[in-house]
C-alpha cells in the first residue's frame, strides 16, 4: 500500500499494491460468490487496481469503472480507503458512527401491542399507525414518535396489522 502525491486537480493518487496473501484472499472471495454483491464488487475493483509486479500492467480507473459498471469516483474512494485503512475496511466499508437512542423500548412496545389489539377510537374501524403513534404520545409513553417507528416496532414483534397470526 503506497500513496503518491499527484497534482491532477489537487487530488492525491492512491496506488493499490496487494500482497500475495491479500490477492489470494480477494480471488477466493470472488470465486466463492456467496458474499454480498457490494463486497464482491469491491474485491474485483481492488484486484483490477493492483499494481504489484505479479499482476503486470493494470487498467485505468476509467476502464475498470466501465467494465464493472461503477463510477470512477467509487474506485478512487475505494483505493483511498484501502491505502489509509486496510483491506478489511475497504471490503466492508466504514461502519456508521451514528448512534440513535431508541424511542421505543420493550415497555412501550408492549403498550403499543396491547393498544393495537384494543377497540379503536370512535369513528375509526381499526387502529392506524398514525393513531397508535398519536395515542402513545397522549398516554405519555413517549415524548414524540412517528408512525414509521410504530410500524417498525410492530413488525419486529410480528404484530403488524397485515399479519394473519397477529392479535
N, C-alpha and C. Protein backbone atom coordinates (compact mmCIF):
# COMPACT_ATOMS: atom_id res chain seq x y z
N UNK A 1 0.84 -1.18 0.00
CA UNK A 1 0.00 0.00 0.00
C UNK A 1 0.88 1.23 0.00
N UNK A 2 0.75 2.03 -1.02
CA UNK A 2 1.52 3.27 -1.07
C UNK A 2 0.62 4.40 -1.50
N UNK A 3 1.08 5.61 -1.20
CA UNK A 3 0.33 6.78 -1.59
C UNK A 3 1.28 7.74 -2.25
N UNK A 4 0.89 8.23 -3.41
CA UNK A 4 1.73 9.19 -4.12
C UNK A 4 0.97 10.49 -4.23
N UNK A 5 1.69 11.59 -4.15
CA UNK A 5 1.05 12.89 -4.38
C UNK A 5 0.91 13.11 -5.87
N UNK A 6 -0.22 13.65 -6.28
CA UNK A 6 -0.45 13.93 -7.69
C UNK A 6 -1.08 15.30 -7.79
N UNK A 7 -0.67 16.07 -8.74
CA UNK A 7 -1.15 17.44 -8.88
C UNK A 7 -2.36 17.54 -9.80
N UNK A 8 -2.94 16.44 -10.18
CA UNK A 8 -4.10 16.47 -11.07
C UNK A 8 -5.32 16.94 -10.30
N UNK A 9 -5.63 18.21 -10.43
CA UNK A 9 -6.82 18.74 -9.79
C UNK A 9 -6.73 18.76 -8.28
N UNK A 10 -5.53 18.68 -7.72
CA UNK A 10 -5.37 18.71 -6.27
C UNK A 10 -5.70 17.39 -5.59
N UNK A 11 -6.06 16.35 -6.37
CA UNK A 11 -6.40 15.07 -5.77
C UNK A 11 -5.14 14.22 -5.64
N UNK A 12 -5.10 13.44 -4.58
CA UNK A 12 -3.97 12.53 -4.40
C UNK A 12 -4.24 11.27 -5.20
N UNK A 13 -3.20 10.63 -5.64
CA UNK A 13 -3.33 9.37 -6.35
C UNK A 13 -2.94 8.26 -5.38
N UNK A 14 -3.81 7.30 -5.22
CA UNK A 14 -3.55 6.19 -4.32
C UNK A 14 -3.22 4.96 -5.16
N UNK A 15 -2.12 4.33 -4.83
CA UNK A 15 -1.66 3.16 -5.56
C UNK A 15 -1.94 1.92 -4.73
N UNK A 16 -2.67 1.00 -5.31
CA UNK A 16 -3.01 -0.25 -4.63
C UNK A 16 -1.98 -1.30 -5.00
N UNK A 17 -1.26 -1.78 -4.01
CA UNK A 17 -0.30 -2.86 -4.21
C UNK A 17 -0.66 -3.97 -3.23
N UNK A 18 -1.23 -5.03 -3.75
CA UNK A 18 -1.68 -6.13 -2.91
C UNK A 18 -0.54 -7.10 -2.64
N UNK A 19 -0.50 -7.60 -1.41
CA UNK A 19 0.45 -8.67 -1.11
C UNK A 19 -0.11 -9.95 -1.73
N UNK A 20 0.71 -10.98 -1.79
CA UNK A 20 0.25 -12.25 -2.35
C UNK A 20 -0.92 -12.80 -1.55
N UNK A 21 -0.85 -12.65 -0.22
CA UNK A 21 -1.93 -13.15 0.65
C UNK A 21 -3.23 -12.39 0.40
N UNK A 22 -3.12 -11.06 0.28
CA UNK A 22 -4.31 -10.25 0.04
C UNK A 22 -4.94 -10.60 -1.31
N UNK A 23 -4.11 -10.75 -2.33
CA UNK A 23 -4.62 -11.10 -3.66
C UNK A 23 -5.31 -12.46 -3.63
N UNK A 24 -4.72 -13.43 -2.92
CA UNK A 24 -5.32 -14.76 -2.79
C UNK A 24 -6.66 -14.67 -2.09
N UNK A 25 -6.70 -13.88 -1.01
CA UNK A 25 -7.94 -13.72 -0.25
C UNK A 25 -9.04 -13.13 -1.13
N UNK A 26 -8.70 -12.12 -1.92
CA UNK A 26 -9.69 -11.49 -2.80
C UNK A 26 -10.12 -12.44 -3.91
N UNK A 27 -9.17 -13.20 -4.48
CA UNK A 27 -9.51 -14.17 -5.52
C UNK A 27 -10.48 -15.22 -4.98
N UNK A 28 -10.22 -15.69 -3.76
CA UNK A 28 -11.08 -16.70 -3.15
C UNK A 28 -12.48 -16.13 -2.89
N UNK A 29 -12.53 -14.89 -2.44
CA UNK A 29 -13.80 -14.24 -2.16
C UNK A 29 -14.64 -14.13 -3.43
N UNK A 30 -14.02 -13.72 -4.52
CA UNK A 30 -14.72 -13.56 -5.79
C UNK A 30 -15.13 -14.93 -6.35
N UNK A 31 -14.25 -15.92 -6.25
CA UNK A 31 -14.53 -17.24 -6.80
C UNK A 31 -15.66 -17.93 -6.05
N UNK A 32 -15.73 -17.71 -4.75
CA UNK A 32 -16.76 -18.37 -3.94
C UNK A 32 -18.14 -17.86 -4.31
N UNK A 33 -18.29 -16.55 -4.48
CA UNK A 33 -19.54 -15.98 -4.95
C UNK A 33 -20.69 -15.99 -3.97
N UNK A 34 -20.43 -16.18 -2.68
CA UNK A 34 -21.53 -16.22 -1.71
C UNK A 34 -21.55 -15.00 -0.81
N UNK A 35 -20.79 -13.99 -1.14
CA UNK A 35 -20.73 -12.79 -0.32
C UNK A 35 -21.67 -11.72 -0.88
N UNK A 36 -21.84 -10.67 -0.11
CA UNK A 36 -22.68 -9.56 -0.54
C UNK A 36 -22.13 -8.98 -1.84
N UNK A 37 -23.03 -8.53 -2.70
CA UNK A 37 -22.63 -8.02 -4.01
C UNK A 37 -21.65 -6.86 -3.89
N UNK A 38 -21.90 -5.95 -2.96
CA UNK A 38 -21.02 -4.78 -2.81
C UNK A 38 -19.62 -5.22 -2.41
N UNK A 39 -19.53 -6.23 -1.56
CA UNK A 39 -18.22 -6.72 -1.12
C UNK A 39 -17.48 -7.36 -2.30
N UNK A 40 -18.21 -8.09 -3.13
CA UNK A 40 -17.58 -8.72 -4.29
C UNK A 40 -17.13 -7.68 -5.31
N UNK A 41 -17.93 -6.65 -5.52
CA UNK A 41 -17.54 -5.58 -6.44
C UNK A 41 -16.28 -4.89 -5.92
N UNK A 42 -16.24 -4.63 -4.61
CA UNK A 42 -15.05 -4.01 -4.02
C UNK A 42 -13.82 -4.90 -4.22
N UNK A 43 -13.99 -6.21 -4.06
CA UNK A 43 -12.87 -7.13 -4.27
C UNK A 43 -12.41 -7.09 -5.72
N UNK A 44 -13.35 -7.08 -6.65
CA UNK A 44 -12.99 -7.01 -8.07
C UNK A 44 -12.26 -5.71 -8.40
N UNK A 45 -12.72 -4.62 -7.81
CA UNK A 45 -12.06 -3.33 -8.04
C UNK A 45 -10.62 -3.39 -7.54
N UNK A 46 -10.43 -3.88 -6.33
CA UNK A 46 -9.08 -3.94 -5.76
C UNK A 46 -8.17 -4.85 -6.58
N UNK A 47 -8.70 -5.99 -7.03
CA UNK A 47 -7.89 -6.89 -7.86
C UNK A 47 -7.47 -6.21 -9.16
N UNK A 48 -8.39 -5.47 -9.75
CA UNK A 48 -8.08 -4.79 -11.01
C UNK A 48 -7.19 -3.58 -10.83
N UNK A 49 -7.18 -2.99 -9.64
CA UNK A 49 -6.33 -1.82 -9.37
C UNK A 49 -4.94 -2.21 -8.89
N UNK A 50 -4.74 -3.49 -8.63
CA UNK A 50 -3.46 -3.96 -8.09
C UNK A 50 -2.32 -3.66 -9.05
N UNK A 51 -1.28 -3.04 -8.53
CA UNK A 51 -0.11 -2.70 -9.35
C UNK A 51 1.13 -3.48 -8.93
N UNK A 52 0.94 -4.60 -8.24
CA UNK A 52 2.10 -5.39 -7.84
C UNK A 52 2.73 -6.03 -9.08
N UNK A 53 3.96 -6.45 -8.92
CA UNK A 53 4.73 -6.99 -10.05
C UNK A 53 4.06 -8.23 -10.65
N UNK A 54 3.44 -9.03 -9.83
CA UNK A 54 2.86 -10.28 -10.29
C UNK A 54 1.68 -10.07 -11.25
N UNK A 55 1.00 -8.94 -11.15
CA UNK A 55 -0.21 -8.72 -11.93
C UNK A 55 0.06 -8.05 -13.28
N UNK A 56 1.23 -7.46 -13.46
CA UNK A 56 1.54 -6.79 -14.72
C UNK A 56 0.84 -5.45 -14.83
N UNK A 57 0.68 -4.97 -16.07
CA UNK A 57 0.04 -3.67 -16.29
C UNK A 57 -1.44 -3.76 -15.92
N UNK A 58 -1.88 -2.73 -15.24
CA UNK A 58 -3.28 -2.72 -14.85
C UNK A 58 -4.06 -1.73 -15.71
N UNK A 59 -5.36 -1.88 -15.73
CA UNK A 59 -6.22 -0.97 -16.48
C UNK A 59 -6.33 0.35 -15.74
N UNK A 60 -6.77 1.38 -16.45
CA UNK A 60 -7.01 2.67 -15.82
C UNK A 60 -8.29 2.60 -15.00
N UNK A 61 -8.45 3.54 -14.08
CA UNK A 61 -9.67 3.58 -13.26
C UNK A 61 -10.90 3.71 -14.14
N UNK A 62 -10.78 4.48 -15.20
CA UNK A 62 -11.91 4.68 -16.12
C UNK A 62 -12.30 3.36 -16.78
N UNK A 63 -11.31 2.58 -17.22
CA UNK A 63 -11.58 1.29 -17.86
C UNK A 63 -12.22 0.33 -16.87
N UNK A 64 -11.70 0.30 -15.65
CA UNK A 64 -12.25 -0.58 -14.62
C UNK A 64 -13.69 -0.19 -14.32
N UNK A 65 -13.93 1.11 -14.23
CA UNK A 65 -15.28 1.61 -13.94
C UNK A 65 -16.27 1.17 -15.02
N UNK A 66 -15.85 1.25 -16.27
CA UNK A 66 -16.73 0.85 -17.37
C UNK A 66 -17.02 -0.64 -17.35
N UNK A 67 -16.00 -1.45 -17.10
CA UNK A 67 -16.16 -2.90 -17.09
C UNK A 67 -17.07 -3.34 -15.93
N UNK A 68 -16.86 -2.77 -14.75
CA UNK A 68 -17.62 -3.18 -13.57
C UNK A 68 -18.90 -2.37 -13.38
N UNK A 69 -19.14 -1.42 -14.27
CA UNK A 69 -20.34 -0.58 -14.23
C UNK A 69 -20.49 0.14 -12.89
N UNK A 70 -19.40 0.79 -12.47
CA UNK A 70 -19.40 1.64 -11.28
C UNK A 70 -18.81 2.98 -11.69
N UNK A 71 -18.91 3.96 -10.82
CA UNK A 71 -18.36 5.27 -11.15
C UNK A 71 -16.86 5.29 -10.88
N UNK A 72 -16.12 6.07 -11.64
CA UNK A 72 -14.68 6.22 -11.37
C UNK A 72 -14.43 6.76 -9.97
N UNK A 73 -15.36 7.57 -9.48
CA UNK A 73 -15.23 8.13 -8.12
C UNK A 73 -15.26 7.02 -7.07
N UNK A 74 -16.09 5.99 -7.28
CA UNK A 74 -16.14 4.86 -6.36
C UNK A 74 -14.79 4.17 -6.30
N UNK A 75 -14.16 4.03 -7.45
CA UNK A 75 -12.85 3.39 -7.50
C UNK A 75 -11.83 4.22 -6.73
N UNK A 76 -11.85 5.53 -6.93
CA UNK A 76 -10.93 6.41 -6.20
C UNK A 76 -11.15 6.33 -4.70
N UNK A 77 -12.41 6.33 -4.28
CA UNK A 77 -12.71 6.24 -2.84
C UNK A 77 -12.24 4.91 -2.26
N UNK A 78 -12.46 3.83 -3.00
CA UNK A 78 -12.07 2.51 -2.53
C UNK A 78 -10.55 2.39 -2.43
N UNK A 79 -9.85 2.92 -3.42
CA UNK A 79 -8.38 2.89 -3.38
C UNK A 79 -7.87 3.67 -2.16
N UNK A 80 -8.46 4.84 -1.92
CA UNK A 80 -8.05 5.64 -0.76
C UNK A 80 -8.32 4.88 0.53
N UNK A 81 -9.51 4.26 0.63
CA UNK A 81 -9.86 3.51 1.85
C UNK A 81 -8.90 2.34 2.06
N UNK A 82 -8.51 1.67 0.99
CA UNK A 82 -7.57 0.56 1.10
C UNK A 82 -6.22 1.04 1.59
N UNK A 83 -5.72 2.12 1.01
CA UNK A 83 -4.40 2.64 1.39
C UNK A 83 -4.40 3.16 2.82
N UNK A 84 -5.45 3.88 3.20
CA UNK A 84 -5.48 4.50 4.52
C UNK A 84 -5.92 3.55 5.63
N UNK A 85 -6.88 2.66 5.34
CA UNK A 85 -7.49 1.87 6.41
C UNK A 85 -7.28 0.37 6.30
N UNK A 86 -6.80 -0.12 5.18
CA UNK A 86 -6.53 -1.54 5.05
C UNK A 86 -7.61 -2.30 4.29
N UNK A 87 -7.34 -3.57 4.09
CA UNK A 87 -8.18 -4.43 3.25
C UNK A 87 -9.58 -4.63 3.83
N UNK A 88 -9.67 -4.95 5.11
CA UNK A 88 -10.98 -5.24 5.71
C UNK A 88 -11.93 -4.07 5.61
N UNK A 89 -11.45 -2.86 5.91
CA UNK A 89 -12.30 -1.67 5.83
C UNK A 89 -12.67 -1.40 4.38
N UNK A 90 -11.74 -1.63 3.47
CA UNK A 90 -12.03 -1.41 2.05
C UNK A 90 -13.13 -2.35 1.56
N UNK A 91 -13.12 -3.58 2.03
CA UNK A 91 -14.14 -4.54 1.60
C UNK A 91 -15.49 -4.29 2.24
N UNK A 92 -15.48 -4.06 3.54
CA UNK A 92 -16.74 -3.94 4.28
C UNK A 92 -17.30 -2.53 4.33
N UNK A 93 -16.46 -1.54 4.12
CA UNK A 93 -16.91 -0.16 4.26
C UNK A 93 -16.70 0.32 5.68
N UNK A 94 -16.88 1.59 5.87
CA UNK A 94 -16.68 2.20 7.17
C UNK A 94 -17.98 2.07 7.96
N UNK A 95 -17.94 1.51 9.16
CA UNK A 95 -19.16 1.39 9.94
C UNK A 95 -19.72 2.77 10.30
N UNK A 96 -21.02 2.84 10.36
CA UNK A 96 -21.68 4.10 10.68
C UNK A 96 -21.31 4.54 12.09
N UNK A 97 -21.11 5.84 12.25
CA UNK A 97 -20.77 6.36 13.56
C UNK A 97 -21.98 7.00 14.23
N UNK A 98 -23.11 6.91 13.56
CA UNK A 98 -24.33 7.46 14.14
C UNK A 98 -24.90 6.48 15.14
N UNK A 99 -25.23 6.97 16.30
CA UNK A 99 -25.90 6.16 17.30
C UNK A 99 -27.19 6.85 17.67
N UNK A 100 -28.27 6.12 17.54
CA UNK A 100 -29.56 6.69 17.84
C UNK A 100 -30.10 6.09 19.13
N UNK A 101 -30.75 6.93 19.89
CA UNK A 101 -31.43 6.44 21.08
C UNK A 101 -32.77 5.88 20.62
N UNK A 102 -33.07 4.66 21.00
CA UNK A 102 -34.32 4.05 20.59
C UNK A 102 -35.47 4.68 21.35
N UNK A 103 -36.48 5.13 20.60
CA UNK A 103 -37.62 5.78 21.22
C UNK A 103 -38.57 4.76 21.83
N UNK A 104 -38.57 3.57 21.26
CA UNK A 104 -39.50 2.55 21.73
C UNK A 104 -38.70 1.41 22.36
N UNK A 105 -38.89 1.24 23.66
CA UNK A 105 -38.25 0.13 24.36
C UNK A 105 -39.28 -0.98 24.53
N UNK A 106 -38.94 -2.01 25.25
CA UNK A 106 -39.83 -3.15 25.44
C UNK A 106 -41.15 -2.79 26.09
N UNK A 107 -41.11 -1.87 27.04
CA UNK A 107 -42.33 -1.48 27.75
C UNK A 107 -43.29 -0.73 26.82
N UNK A 108 -42.77 0.22 26.06
CA UNK A 108 -43.59 0.98 25.12
C UNK A 108 -44.12 0.04 24.03
N UNK A 109 -43.28 -0.88 23.61
CA UNK A 109 -43.68 -1.86 22.61
C UNK A 109 -44.88 -2.67 23.09
N UNK A 110 -44.81 -3.12 24.34
CA UNK A 110 -45.91 -3.89 24.93
C UNK A 110 -47.19 -3.06 24.98
N UNK A 111 -47.07 -1.78 25.34
CA UNK A 111 -48.24 -0.90 25.36
C UNK A 111 -48.83 -0.74 23.96
N UNK A 112 -47.97 -0.60 22.96
CA UNK A 112 -48.44 -0.45 21.58
C UNK A 112 -49.17 -1.70 21.10
N UNK A 113 -48.65 -2.86 21.43
CA UNK A 113 -49.29 -4.11 21.04
C UNK A 113 -50.65 -4.23 21.70
N UNK A 114 -50.70 -3.95 23.00
CA UNK A 114 -51.97 -4.01 23.72
C UNK A 114 -52.96 -3.00 23.14
N UNK A 115 -52.47 -1.82 22.84
CA UNK A 115 -53.32 -0.77 22.27
C UNK A 115 -53.85 -1.18 20.90
N UNK A 116 -52.99 -1.77 20.07
CA UNK A 116 -53.42 -2.17 18.73
C UNK A 116 -54.44 -3.31 18.77
N UNK A 117 -54.44 -4.08 19.85
CA UNK A 117 -55.40 -5.18 20.00
C UNK A 117 -56.70 -4.71 20.63
N UNK A 118 -56.71 -3.51 21.17
CA UNK A 118 -57.91 -2.99 21.84
C UNK A 118 -58.88 -2.41 20.81
N UNK A 119 -60.03 -1.97 21.30
CA UNK A 119 -61.05 -1.37 20.45
C UNK A 119 -60.53 -0.02 19.94
N UNK A 120 -60.65 0.23 18.64
CA UNK A 120 -60.16 1.50 18.10
C UNK A 120 -61.02 2.67 18.57
N UNK A 121 -60.50 3.88 18.47
CA UNK A 121 -61.27 5.05 18.90
C UNK A 121 -62.56 5.18 18.07
N UNK A 122 -63.54 5.85 18.64
CA UNK A 122 -64.81 6.01 17.93
C UNK A 122 -64.57 6.77 16.63
N UNK A 123 -65.29 6.36 15.61
CA UNK A 123 -65.13 6.97 14.30
C UNK A 123 -64.09 6.27 13.44
N UNK A 124 -63.42 5.25 13.98
CA UNK A 124 -62.40 4.52 13.23
C UNK A 124 -62.70 3.03 13.29
N UNK A 125 -62.56 2.38 12.15
CA UNK A 125 -62.82 0.94 12.06
C UNK A 125 -61.69 0.13 12.70
N UNK A 126 -60.47 0.66 12.62
CA UNK A 126 -59.31 -0.04 13.20
C UNK A 126 -58.22 0.98 13.51
N UNK A 127 -57.22 0.53 14.24
CA UNK A 127 -56.10 1.39 14.60
C UNK A 127 -55.21 1.60 13.38
N UNK A 128 -54.90 2.83 13.06
CA UNK A 128 -53.89 3.10 12.04
C UNK A 128 -52.57 3.35 12.76
N UNK A 129 -51.49 3.32 12.02
CA UNK A 129 -50.18 3.57 12.63
C UNK A 129 -50.11 4.99 13.18
N UNK A 130 -50.71 5.93 12.48
CA UNK A 130 -50.72 7.32 12.96
C UNK A 130 -51.53 7.46 14.24
N UNK A 131 -52.67 6.77 14.28
CA UNK A 131 -53.49 6.81 15.51
C UNK A 131 -52.72 6.21 16.68
N UNK A 132 -52.04 5.10 16.44
CA UNK A 132 -51.24 4.48 17.50
C UNK A 132 -50.13 5.41 17.97
N UNK A 133 -49.46 6.07 17.02
CA UNK A 133 -48.38 7.00 17.37
C UNK A 133 -48.93 8.16 18.19
N UNK A 134 -50.05 8.73 17.75
CA UNK A 134 -50.65 9.85 18.48
C UNK A 134 -51.09 9.43 19.87
N UNK A 135 -51.67 8.24 19.98
CA UNK A 135 -52.15 7.76 21.29
C UNK A 135 -50.97 7.49 22.23
N UNK A 136 -49.86 7.00 21.71
CA UNK A 136 -48.67 6.77 22.55
C UNK A 136 -48.16 8.08 23.13
N UNK A 137 -48.24 9.15 22.35
CA UNK A 137 -47.82 10.47 22.84
C UNK A 137 -48.81 10.98 23.87
N UNK A 138 -50.13 10.81 23.60
CA UNK A 138 -51.17 11.24 24.55
C UNK A 138 -51.01 10.55 25.90
N UNK A 139 -50.70 9.26 25.86
CA UNK A 139 -50.53 8.49 27.10
C UNK A 139 -49.17 8.74 27.76
N UNK A 140 -48.36 9.60 27.14
CA UNK A 140 -47.03 9.95 27.62
C UNK A 140 -46.10 8.74 27.73
N UNK A 141 -46.30 7.78 26.82
CA UNK A 141 -45.38 6.64 26.74
C UNK A 141 -44.07 7.10 26.12
N UNK A 142 -44.17 8.04 25.18
CA UNK A 142 -43.01 8.64 24.53
C UNK A 142 -43.29 10.12 24.35
N UNK A 143 -42.21 10.89 24.23
CA UNK A 143 -42.37 12.33 24.03
C UNK A 143 -42.89 12.63 22.63
N UNK A 144 -42.32 11.96 21.63
CA UNK A 144 -42.76 12.08 20.25
C UNK A 144 -42.34 10.81 19.52
N UNK A 145 -43.17 10.38 18.58
CA UNK A 145 -42.85 9.18 17.81
C UNK A 145 -43.57 9.25 16.47
N UNK A 146 -42.93 8.77 15.43
CA UNK A 146 -43.55 8.78 14.11
C UNK A 146 -44.29 7.47 13.88
N UNK A 147 -45.19 7.51 12.92
CA UNK A 147 -45.92 6.29 12.58
C UNK A 147 -44.97 5.22 12.03
N UNK A 148 -43.89 5.65 11.39
CA UNK A 148 -42.92 4.70 10.84
C UNK A 148 -42.21 3.94 11.96
N UNK A 149 -41.89 4.63 13.05
CA UNK A 149 -41.26 3.97 14.20
C UNK A 149 -42.21 2.95 14.81
N UNK A 150 -43.49 3.31 14.88
CA UNK A 150 -44.51 2.39 15.39
C UNK A 150 -44.60 1.18 14.47
N UNK A 151 -44.57 1.41 13.16
CA UNK A 151 -44.64 0.30 12.21
C UNK A 151 -43.48 -0.67 12.40
N UNK A 152 -42.27 -0.12 12.56
CA UNK A 152 -41.10 -0.99 12.74
C UNK A 152 -41.21 -1.80 14.03
N UNK A 153 -41.69 -1.17 15.08
CA UNK A 153 -41.83 -1.87 16.36
C UNK A 153 -42.84 -3.00 16.25
N UNK A 154 -43.97 -2.75 15.60
CA UNK A 154 -44.99 -3.78 15.45
C UNK A 154 -44.52 -4.88 14.50
N UNK A 155 -43.80 -4.51 13.46
CA UNK A 155 -43.30 -5.51 12.52
C UNK A 155 -42.29 -6.42 13.20
N UNK A 156 -41.45 -5.83 14.05
CA UNK A 156 -40.42 -6.60 14.74
C UNK A 156 -41.05 -7.68 15.63
N UNK A 157 -42.22 -7.41 16.15
CA UNK A 157 -42.88 -8.35 17.06
C UNK A 157 -43.94 -9.18 16.35
N UNK A 158 -43.95 -9.13 15.02
CA UNK A 158 -44.96 -9.84 14.22
C UNK A 158 -46.37 -9.41 14.59
N UNK A 159 -46.53 -8.15 14.95
CA UNK A 159 -47.85 -7.62 15.29
C UNK A 159 -48.33 -6.61 14.27
N UNK A 160 -47.86 -6.72 13.05
CA UNK A 160 -48.30 -5.78 12.02
C UNK A 160 -49.77 -6.04 11.72
N UNK A 161 -50.46 -5.02 11.28
CA UNK A 161 -51.88 -5.14 11.03
C UNK A 161 -52.17 -6.17 9.95
N UNK A 162 -51.23 -6.41 9.05
CA UNK A 162 -51.46 -7.33 7.94
C UNK A 162 -51.17 -8.78 8.29
N UNK A 163 -50.57 -9.04 9.42
CA UNK A 163 -50.20 -10.41 9.77
C UNK A 163 -51.44 -11.17 10.24
N UNK A 164 -51.67 -12.34 9.64
CA UNK A 164 -52.86 -13.13 10.00
C UNK A 164 -52.79 -13.66 11.42
N UNK A 165 -51.59 -13.98 11.87
CA UNK A 165 -51.44 -14.58 13.18
C UNK A 165 -51.37 -13.55 14.30
N UNK A 166 -51.35 -12.28 13.95
CA UNK A 166 -51.24 -11.23 14.96
C UNK A 166 -52.60 -10.97 15.58
N UNK A 167 -52.55 -10.46 16.79
CA UNK A 167 -53.79 -10.19 17.50
C UNK A 167 -54.37 -8.87 17.25
